[in-house]
Structures are given as C-alpha cells and as structure tokens.
Amino acid sequence: MTEPACCFADRHIGPDRADVARMLAVIGKPDLDALIDEAMPASIRTSAPGSGPGGGPGLPEPVGESEALAELAALARRNVLAVPMI
C-alpha cells in the first residue's frame, strides 16, 4: 500500500500556513523570523548553509510513507532482544 508523501507530511510534519498565522497573531509576532529573533539567542545561531536540501542542516532527502516505514523496519530488525540481568 503506497501513500503519497504529501499525506504523510500532512499528518506528521507541523502546522500549515493558516495555523502558523493564527499562532503568530496570538503571540503578537508579525512572522516566524521575528519569533526566532526573540526566542533564539544569536550566540547559538549560524549563518553558514548546511549540506541538506535548501541549505538545511544536512538532512536526507524526504521520502514517502512507505519508504520511511521500510527504513524504520530495517532499523528495528537491527535490535537485539536480550534477557535483563537485573
């Protein structure tokens, strides 16, 4: 069963533009940049672009839900069940 990536992202990745606009209105900020300027100290920011998509933090390219589930299943198969010795 293959599902388009947009549906996976819609369910799992943050608010949409309307939600963001409502949240910003509630806290009295004009945009996300103004919120970040107030919330994140300049001393921990970097202006250097990352190696990821769009200059992001070096994250892998996004995949669809079935590919993500396959990757998670592969990671889960690496788990080792052991007897607790406590």
PDB file of N, CA and C in Angstrom:
ATOM      1  N   MET A   1       0.852  -1.171   0.000  1.00  0.00           N
ATOM      2  CA  MET A   1       0.000   0.000   0.000  1.00  0.00           C
ATOM      3  C   MET A   1       0.895   1.231   0.000  1.00  0.00           C
ATOM      4  N   THR A   2       0.862   1.962  -1.074  1.00  0.00           N
ATOM      5  CA  THR A   2       1.682   3.154  -1.196  1.00  0.00           C
ATOM      6  C   THR A   2       0.823   4.383  -1.023  1.00  0.00           C
ATOM      7  N   GLU A   3       1.345   5.337  -0.234  1.00  0.00           N
ATOM      8  CA  GLU A   3       0.602   6.561   0.014  1.00  0.00           C
ATOM      9  C   GLU A   3       1.471   7.736  -0.405  1.00  0.00           C
ATOM     10  N   PRO A   4       0.884   8.753  -1.035  1.00  0.00           N
ATOM     11  CA  PRO A   4       1.687   9.897  -1.455  1.00  0.00           C
ATOM     12  C   PRO A   4       2.388  10.565  -0.276  1.00  0.00           C
ATOM     13  N   ALA A   5       3.576  11.090  -0.542  1.00  0.00           N
ATOM     14  CA  ALA A   5       4.366  11.731   0.517  1.00  0.00           C
ATOM     15  C   ALA A   5       3.628  12.898   1.145  1.00  0.00           C
ATOM     16  N   CYS A   6       2.802  13.585   0.360  1.00  0.00           N
ATOM     17  CA  CYS A   6       2.105  14.757   0.899  1.00  0.00           C
ATOM     18  C   CYS A   6       1.185  14.364   2.056  1.00  0.00           C
ATOM     19  N   CYS A   7       0.561  13.220   1.982  1.00  0.00           N
ATOM     20  CA  CYS A   7      -0.340  12.791   3.053  1.00  0.00           C
ATOM     21  C   CYS A   7       0.443  12.473   4.322  1.00  0.00           C
ATOM     22  N   PHE A   8       1.570  11.831   4.188  1.00  0.00           N
ATOM     23  CA  PHE A   8       2.430  11.522   5.324  1.00  0.00           C
ATOM     24  C   PHE A   8       2.882  12.823   5.980  1.00  0.00           C
ATOM     25  N   ALA A   9       3.354  13.757   5.175  1.00  0.00           N
ATOM     26  CA  ALA A   9       3.824  15.031   5.705  1.00  0.00           C
ATOM     27  C   ALA A   9       2.695  15.793   6.379  1.00  0.00           C
ATOM     28  N   ASP A  10       1.525  15.791   5.766  1.00  0.00           N
ATOM     29  CA  ASP A  10       0.388  16.497   6.357  1.00  0.00           C
ATOM     30  C   ASP A  10       0.058  15.949   7.744  1.00  0.00           C
ATOM     31  N   ARG A  11       0.220  14.654   7.932  1.00  0.00           N
ATOM     32  CA  ARG A  11      -0.113  14.053   9.222  1.00  0.00           C
ATOM     33  C   ARG A  11       0.984  14.217  10.258  1.00  0.00           C
ATOM     34  N   HIS A  12       2.237  14.361   9.806  1.00  0.00           N
ATOM     35  CA  HIS A  12       3.345  14.262  10.744  1.00  0.00           C
ATOM     36  C   HIS A  12       4.258  15.480  10.842  1.00  0.00           C
ATOM     37  N   ILE A  13       4.147  16.405   9.939  1.00  0.00           N
ATOM     38  CA  ILE A  13       5.118  17.494   9.929  1.00  0.00           C
ATOM     39  C   ILE A  13       4.434  18.833  10.133  1.00  0.00           C
ATOM     40  N   GLY A  14       4.357  19.248  11.375  1.00  0.00           N
ATOM     41  CA  GLY A  14       3.985  20.583  11.772  1.00  0.00           C
ATOM     42  C   GLY A  14       2.694  21.186  11.248  1.00  0.00           C
ATOM     43  N   PRO A  15       2.485  22.445  11.620  1.00  0.00           N
ATOM     44  CA  PRO A  15       1.271  23.162  11.260  1.00  0.00           C
ATOM     45  C   PRO A  15       1.315  23.674   9.820  1.00  0.00           C
ATOM     46  N   ASP A  16       0.131  23.956   9.273  1.00  0.00           N
ATOM     47  CA  ASP A  16       0.098  24.549   7.938  1.00  0.00           C
ATOM     48  C   ASP A  16       0.197  26.066   8.061  1.00  0.00           C
ATOM     49  N   ARG A  17       0.198  26.776   6.926  1.00  0.00           N
ATOM     50  CA  ARG A  17       0.397  28.227   6.934  1.00  0.00           C
ATOM     51  C   ARG A  17      -0.680  28.953   7.735  1.00  0.00           C
ATOM     52  N   ALA A  18      -1.913  28.499   7.628  1.00  0.00           N
ATOM     53  CA  ALA A  18      -3.001  29.142   8.373  1.00  0.00           C
ATOM     54  C   ALA A  18      -2.803  28.968   9.874  1.00  0.00           C
ATOM     55  N   ASP A  19      -2.372  27.769  10.284  1.00  0.00           N
ATOM     56  CA  ASP A  19      -2.103  27.525  11.708  1.00  0.00           C
ATOM     57  C   ASP A  19      -0.984  28.437  12.214  1.00  0.00           C
ATOM     58  N   VAL A  20       0.073  28.559  11.423  1.00  0.00           N
ATOM     59  CA  VAL A  20       1.194  29.411  11.809  1.00  0.00           C
ATOM     60  C   VAL A  20       0.732  30.861  11.940  1.00  0.00           C
ATOM     61  N   ALA A  21      -0.065  31.331  10.981  1.00  0.00           N
ATOM     62  CA  ALA A  21      -0.571  32.709  11.024  1.00  0.00           C
ATOM     63  C   ALA A  21      -1.402  32.947  12.285  1.00  0.00           C
ATOM     64  N   ARG A  22      -2.250  31.983  12.640  1.00  0.00           N
ATOM     65  CA  ARG A  22      -3.062  32.118  13.857  1.00  0.00           C
ATOM     66  C   ARG A  22      -2.185  32.148  15.101  1.00  0.00           C
ATOM     67  N   MET A  23      -1.195  31.267  15.159  1.00  0.00           N
ATOM     68  CA  MET A  23      -0.304  31.230  16.326  1.00  0.00           C
ATOM     69  C   MET A  23       0.476  32.538  16.463  1.00  0.00           C
ATOM     70  N   LEU A  24       0.983  33.053  15.346  1.00  0.00           N
ATOM     71  CA  LEU A  24       1.722  34.306  15.390  1.00  0.00           C
ATOM     72  C   LEU A  24       0.831  35.457  15.841  1.00  0.00           C
ATOM     73  N   ALA A  25      -0.421  35.458  15.387  1.00  0.00           N
ATOM     74  CA  ALA A  25      -1.356  36.508  15.807  1.00  0.00           C
ATOM     75  C   ALA A  25      -1.600  36.449  17.303  1.00  0.00           C
ATOM     76  N   VAL A  26      -1.724  35.250  17.853  1.00  0.00           N
ATOM     77  CA  VAL A  26      -1.979  35.094  19.284  1.00  0.00           C
ATOM     78  C   VAL A  26      -0.806  35.616  20.116  1.00  0.00           C
ATOM     79  N   ILE A  27       0.426  35.357  19.662  1.00  0.00           N
ATOM     80  CA  ILE A  27       1.586  35.794  20.448  1.00  0.00           C
ATOM     81  C   ILE A  27       2.081  37.181  20.043  1.00  0.00           C
ATOM     82  N   GLY A  28       1.436  37.778  19.033  1.00  0.00           N
ATOM     83  CA  GLY A  28       1.762  39.147  18.656  1.00  0.00           C
ATOM     84  C   GLY A  28       3.050  39.318  17.881  1.00  0.00           C
ATOM     85  N   LYS A  29       3.383  38.366  17.057  1.00  0.00           N
ATOM     86  CA  LYS A  29       4.582  38.463  16.226  1.00  0.00           C
ATOM     87  C   LYS A  29       4.160  38.546  14.757  1.00  0.00           C
ATOM     88  N   PRO A  30       4.850  39.382  13.967  1.00  0.00           N
ATOM     89  CA  PRO A  30       4.462  39.542  12.562  1.00  0.00           C
ATOM     90  C   PRO A  30       4.825  38.349  11.677  1.00  0.00           C
ATOM     91  N   ASP A  31       5.903  37.625  12.036  1.00  0.00           N
ATOM     92  CA  ASP A  31       6.329  36.485  11.228  1.00  0.00           C
ATOM     93  C   ASP A  31       7.233  35.574  12.055  1.00  0.00           C
ATOM     94  N   LEU A  32       7.598  34.438  11.475  1.00  0.00           N
ATOM     95  CA  LEU A  32       8.436  33.472  12.193  1.00  0.00           C
ATOM     96  C   LEU A  32       9.835  34.026  12.467  1.00  0.00           C
ATOM     97  N   ASP A  33      10.348  34.844  11.554  1.00  0.00           N
ATOM     98  CA  ASP A  33      11.670  35.431  11.783  1.00  0.00           C
ATOM     99  C   ASP A  33      11.682  36.279  13.051  1.00  0.00           C
ATOM    100  N   ALA A  34      10.630  37.067  13.265  1.00  0.00           N
ATOM    101  CA  ALA A  34      10.550  37.887  14.479  1.00  0.00           C
ATOM    102  C   ALA A  34      10.474  37.010  15.724  1.00  0.00           C
ATOM    103  N   LEU A  35       9.744  35.908  15.646  1.00  0.00           N
ATOM    104  CA  LEU A  35       9.658  34.977  16.775  1.00  0.00           C
ATOM    105  C   LEU A  35      11.020  34.362  17.069  1.00  0.00           C
ATOM    106  N   ILE A  36      11.700  33.924  16.027  1.00  0.00           N
ATOM    107  CA  ILE A  36      13.021  33.311  16.199  1.00  0.00           C
ATOM    108  C   ILE A  36      14.009  34.325  16.756  1.00  0.00           C
ATOM    109  N   ASP A  37      13.945  35.572  16.258  1.00  0.00           N
ATOM    110  CA  ASP A  37      14.842  36.609  16.771  1.00  0.00           C
ATOM    111  C   ASP A  37      14.680  36.789  18.274  1.00  0.00           C
ATOM    112  N   GLU A  38      13.449  36.678  18.750  1.00  0.00           N
ATOM    113  CA  GLU A  38      13.204  36.858  20.178  1.00  0.00           C
ATOM    114  C   GLU A  38      13.497  35.598  20.993  1.00  0.00           C
ATOM    115  N   ALA A  39      13.263  34.439  20.403  1.00  0.00           N
ATOM    116  CA  ALA A  39      13.349  33.187  21.162  1.00  0.00           C
ATOM    117  C   ALA A  39      14.722  32.528  21.136  1.00  0.00           C
ATOM    118  N   MET A  40      15.501  32.739  20.082  1.00  0.00           N
ATOM    119  CA  MET A  40      16.770  32.026  19.945  1.00  0.00           C
ATOM    120  C   MET A  40      17.940  33.004  20.058  1.00  0.00           C
ATOM    121  N   PRO A  41      18.798  32.805  21.043  1.00  0.00           N
ATOM    122  CA  PRO A  41      19.938  33.704  21.199  1.00  0.00           C
ATOM    123  C   PRO A  41      20.836  33.690  19.962  1.00  0.00           C
ATOM    124  N   ALA A  42      21.323  34.859  19.584  1.00  0.00           N
ATOM    125  CA  ALA A  42      22.190  34.977  18.408  1.00  0.00           C
ATOM    126  C   ALA A  42      23.457  34.140  18.573  1.00  0.00           C
ATOM    127  N   SER A  43      23.886  33.922  19.819  1.00  0.00           N
ATOM    128  CA  SER A  43      25.134  33.192  20.069  1.00  0.00           C
ATOM    129  C   SER A  43      25.068  31.725  19.647  1.00  0.00           C
ATOM    130  N   ILE A  44      23.873  31.165  19.469  1.00  0.00           N
ATOM    131  CA  ILE A  44      23.780  29.759  19.059  1.00  0.00           C
ATOM    132  C   ILE A  44      23.317  29.608  17.620  1.00  0.00           C
ATOM    133  N   ARG A  45      23.148  30.689  16.912  1.00  0.00           N
ATOM    134  CA  ARG A  45      22.738  30.637  15.503  1.00  0.00           C
ATOM    135  C   ARG A  45      23.958  30.555  14.598  1.00  0.00           C
ATOM    136  N   THR A  46      23.721  30.067  13.407  1.00  0.00           N
ATOM    137  CA  THR A  46      24.759  30.052  12.393  1.00  0.00           C
ATOM    138  C   THR A  46      24.170  30.563  11.093  1.00  0.00           C
ATOM    139  N   SER A  47      24.972  31.269  10.340  1.00  0.00           N
ATOM    140  CA  SER A  47      24.506  31.723   9.041  1.00  0.00           C
ATOM    141  C   SER A  47      25.080  30.854   7.931  1.00  0.00           C
ATOM    142  N   ALA A  48      25.930  29.907   8.312  1.00  0.00           N
ATOM    143  CA  ALA A  48      26.522  29.007   7.325  1.00  0.00           C
ATOM    144  C   ALA A  48      25.472  28.051   6.799  1.00  0.00           C
ATOM    145  N   PRO A  49      25.362  27.935   5.485  1.00  0.00           N
ATOM    146  CA  PRO A  49      24.370  26.993   4.948  1.00  0.00           C
ATOM    147  C   PRO A  49      24.776  25.556   5.243  1.00  0.00           C
ATOM    148  N   GLY A  50      23.782  24.714   5.406  1.00  0.00           N
ATOM    149  CA  GLY A  50      24.044  23.307   5.663  1.00  0.00           C
ATOM    150  C   GLY A  50      24.238  22.553   4.363  1.00  0.00           C
ATOM    151  N   SER A  51      24.378  21.274   4.463  1.00  0.00           N
ATOM    152  CA  SER A  51      24.575  20.460   3.270  1.00  0.00           C
ATOM    153  C   SER A  51      23.291  19.770   2.855  1.00  0.00           C
ATOM    154  N   GLY A  52      22.205  20.084   3.543  1.00  0.00           N
ATOM    155  CA  GLY A  52      20.937  19.434   3.231  1.00  0.00           C
ATOM    156  C   GLY A  52      20.158  20.171   2.162  1.00  0.00           C
ATOM    157  N   PRO A  53      18.963  19.649   1.851  1.00  0.00           N
ATOM    158  CA  PRO A  53      18.132  20.273   0.838  1.00  0.00           C
ATOM    159  C   PRO A  53      17.801  21.705   1.226  1.00  0.00           C
ATOM    160  N   GLY A  54      17.943  22.621   0.305  1.00  0.00           N
ATOM    161  CA  GLY A  54      17.629  24.011   0.572  1.00  0.00           C
ATOM    162  C   GLY A  54      18.587  24.667   1.549  1.00  0.00           C
ATOM    163  N   GLY A  55      19.788  24.108   1.705  1.00  0.00           N
ATOM    164  CA  GLY A  55      20.752  24.676   2.636  1.00  0.00           C
ATOM    165  C   GLY A  55      20.450  24.349   4.089  1.00  0.00           C
ATOM    166  N   GLY A  56      19.631  23.339   4.305  1.00  0.00           N
ATOM    167  CA  GLY A  56      19.236  22.952   5.649  1.00  0.00           C
ATOM    168  C   GLY A  56      20.338  22.261   6.410  1.00  0.00           C
ATOM    169  N   PRO A  57      19.994  21.627   7.514  1.00  0.00           N
ATOM    170  CA  PRO A  57      21.002  21.069   8.415  1.00  0.00           C
ATOM    171  C   PRO A  57      21.578  19.725   8.003  1.00  0.00           C
ATOM    172  N   GLY A  58      21.647  19.435   6.733  1.00  0.00           N
ATOM    173  CA  GLY A  58      22.254  18.186   6.294  1.00  0.00           C
ATOM    174  C   GLY A  58      21.353  16.978   6.443  1.00  0.00           C
ATOM    175  N   LEU A  59      20.066  17.175   6.355  1.00  0.00           N
ATOM    176  CA  LEU A  59      19.123  16.070   6.462  1.00  0.00           C
ATOM    177  C   LEU A  59      19.008  15.343   5.124  1.00  0.00           C
ATOM    178  N   PRO A  60      18.641  14.063   5.151  1.00  0.00           N
ATOM    179  CA  PRO A  60      18.453  13.357   3.884  1.00  0.00           C
ATOM    180  C   PRO A  60      17.227  13.902   3.145  1.00  0.00           C
ATOM    181  N   GLU A  61      17.158  13.592   1.868  1.00  0.00           N
ATOM    182  CA  GLU A  61      16.008  13.994   1.069  1.00  0.00           C
ATOM    183  C   GLU A  61      14.755  13.332   1.648  1.00  0.00           C
ATOM    184  N   PRO A  62      13.609  14.008   1.597  1.00  0.00           N
ATOM    185  CA  PRO A  62      12.377  13.402   2.106  1.00  0.00           C
ATOM    186  C   PRO A  62      11.955  12.210   1.258  1.00  0.00           C
ATOM    187  N   VAL A  63      11.271  11.266   1.904  1.00  0.00           N
ATOM    188  CA  VAL A  63      10.755  10.090   1.205  1.00  0.00           C
ATOM    189  C   VAL A  63       9.280   9.928   1.536  1.00  0.00           C
ATOM    190  N   GLY A  64       8.605   9.096   0.783  1.00  0.00           N
ATOM    191  CA  GLY A  64       7.200   8.813   1.030  1.00  0.00           C
ATOM    192  C   GLY A  64       7.022   7.934   2.260  1.00  0.00           C
ATOM    193  N   GLU A  65       5.767   7.760   2.650  1.00  0.00           N
ATOM    194  CA  GLU A  65       5.482   6.998   3.862  1.00  0.00           C
ATOM    195  C   GLU A  65       5.957   5.558   3.764  1.00  0.00           C
ATOM    196  N   SER A  66       5.742   4.909   2.625  1.00  0.00           N
ATOM    197  CA  SER A  66       6.150   3.501   2.520  1.00  0.00           C
ATOM    198  C   SER A  66       7.668   3.366   2.626  1.00  0.00           C
ATOM    199  N   GLU A  67       8.414   4.309   2.021  1.00  0.00           N
ATOM    200  CA  GLU A  67       9.868   4.266   2.136  1.00  0.00           C
ATOM    201  C   GLU A  67      10.309   4.520   3.577  1.00  0.00           C
ATOM    202  N   ALA A  68       9.657   5.477   4.252  1.00  0.00           N
ATOM    203  CA  ALA A  68      10.000   5.759   5.648  1.00  0.00           C
ATOM    204  C   ALA A  68       9.731   4.543   6.526  1.00  0.00           C
ATOM    205  N   LEU A  69       8.596   3.888   6.308  1.00  0.00           N
ATOM    206  CA  LEU A  69       8.279   2.695   7.093  1.00  0.00           C
ATOM    207  C   LEU A  69       9.277   1.577   6.832  1.00  0.00           C
ATOM    208  N   ALA A  70       9.725   1.434   5.580  1.00  0.00           N
ATOM    209  CA  ALA A  70      10.723   0.413   5.258  1.00  0.00           C
ATOM    210  C   ALA A  70      12.039   0.698   5.978  1.00  0.00           C
ATOM    211  N   GLU A  71      12.445   1.977   6.010  1.00  0.00           N
ATOM    212  CA  GLU A  71      13.672   2.340   6.721  1.00  0.00           C
ATOM    213  C   GLU A  71      13.545   2.055   8.214  1.00  0.00           C
ATOM    214  N   LEU A  72      12.392   2.384   8.796  1.00  0.00           N
ATOM    215  CA  LEU A  72      12.178   2.121  10.217  1.00  0.00           C
ATOM    216  C   LEU A  72      12.172   0.625  10.503  1.00  0.00           C
ATOM    217  N   ALA A  73      11.556  -0.171   9.614  1.00  0.00           N
ATOM    218  CA  ALA A  73      11.539  -1.623   9.799  1.00  0.00           C
ATOM    219  C   ALA A  73      12.959  -2.186   9.741  1.00  0.00           C
ATOM    220  N   ALA A  74      13.783  -1.656   8.830  1.00  0.00           N
ATOM    221  CA  ALA A  74      15.172  -2.113   8.729  1.00  0.00           C
ATOM    222  C   ALA A  74      15.934  -1.781  10.006  1.00  0.00           C
ATOM    223  N   LEU A  75      15.705  -0.595  10.560  1.00  0.00           N
ATOM    224  CA  LEU A  75      16.344  -0.248  11.832  1.00  0.00           C
ATOM    225  C   LEU A  75      15.865  -1.162  12.956  1.00  0.00           C
ATOM    226  N   ALA A  76      14.575  -1.449  12.982  1.00  0.00           N
ATOM    227  CA  ALA A  76      14.017  -2.298  14.034  1.00  0.00           C
ATOM    228  C   ALA A  76      14.595  -3.712  13.968  1.00  0.00           C
ATOM    229  N   ARG A  77      14.865  -4.216  12.764  1.00  0.00           N
ATOM    230  CA  ARG A  77      15.444  -5.561  12.616  1.00  0.00           C
ATOM    231  C   ARG A  77      16.853  -5.640  13.201  1.00  0.00           C
ATOM    232  N   ARG A  78      17.504  -4.495  13.367  1.00  0.00           N
ATOM    233  CA  ARG A  78      18.849  -4.486  13.941  1.00  0.00           C
ATOM    234  C   ARG A  78      18.822  -4.591  15.460  1.00  0.00           C
ATOM    235  N   ASN A  79      17.656  -4.414  16.071  1.00  0.00           N
ATOM    236  CA  ASN A  79      17.545  -4.533  17.526  1.00  0.00           C
ATOM    237  C   ASN A  79      17.883  -5.950  17.965  1.00  0.00           C
ATOM    238  N   VAL A  80      18.488  -6.045  19.120  1.00  0.00           N
ATOM    239  CA  VAL A  80      18.839  -7.340  19.686  1.00  0.00           C
ATOM    240  C   VAL A  80      18.035  -7.520  20.969  1.00  0.00           C
ATOM    241  N   LEU A  81      17.239  -8.593  21.019  1.00  0.00           N
ATOM    242  CA  LEU A  81      16.491  -8.893  22.236  1.00  0.00           C
ATOM    243  C   LEU A  81      17.416  -9.613  23.207  1.00  0.00           C
ATOM    244  N   ALA A  82      17.489  -9.078  24.409  1.00  0.00           N
ATOM    245  CA  ALA A  82      18.371  -9.662  25.408  1.00  0.00           C
ATOM    246  C   ALA A  82      17.605  -9.898  26.697  1.00  0.00           C
ATOM    247  N   VAL A  83      18.108 -10.786  27.534  1.00  0.00           N
ATOM    248  CA  VAL A  83      17.474 -11.084  28.826  1.00  0.00           C
ATOM    249  C   VAL A  83      17.996 -10.073  29.832  1.00  0.00           C
ATOM    250  N   PRO A  84      17.081  -9.348  30.503  1.00  0.00           N
ATOM    251  CA  PRO A  84      17.546  -8.405  31.533  1.00  0.00           C
ATOM    252  C   PRO A  84      18.178  -9.171  32.689  1.00  0.00           C
ATOM    253  N   MET A  85      19.285  -8.695  33.168  1.00  0.00           N
ATOM    254  CA  MET A  85      20.018  -9.381  34.217  1.00  0.00           C
ATOM    255  C   MET A  85      19.947  -8.660  35.558  1.00  0.00           C
ATOM    256  N   ILE A  86      18.920  -7.860  35.730  1.00  0.00           N
ATOM    257  CA  ILE A  86      18.777  -7.116  36.986  1.00  0.00           C
ATOM    258  C   ILE A  86      17.989  -7.929  37.984  1.00  0.00           C
TER     259      ILE A  86
END
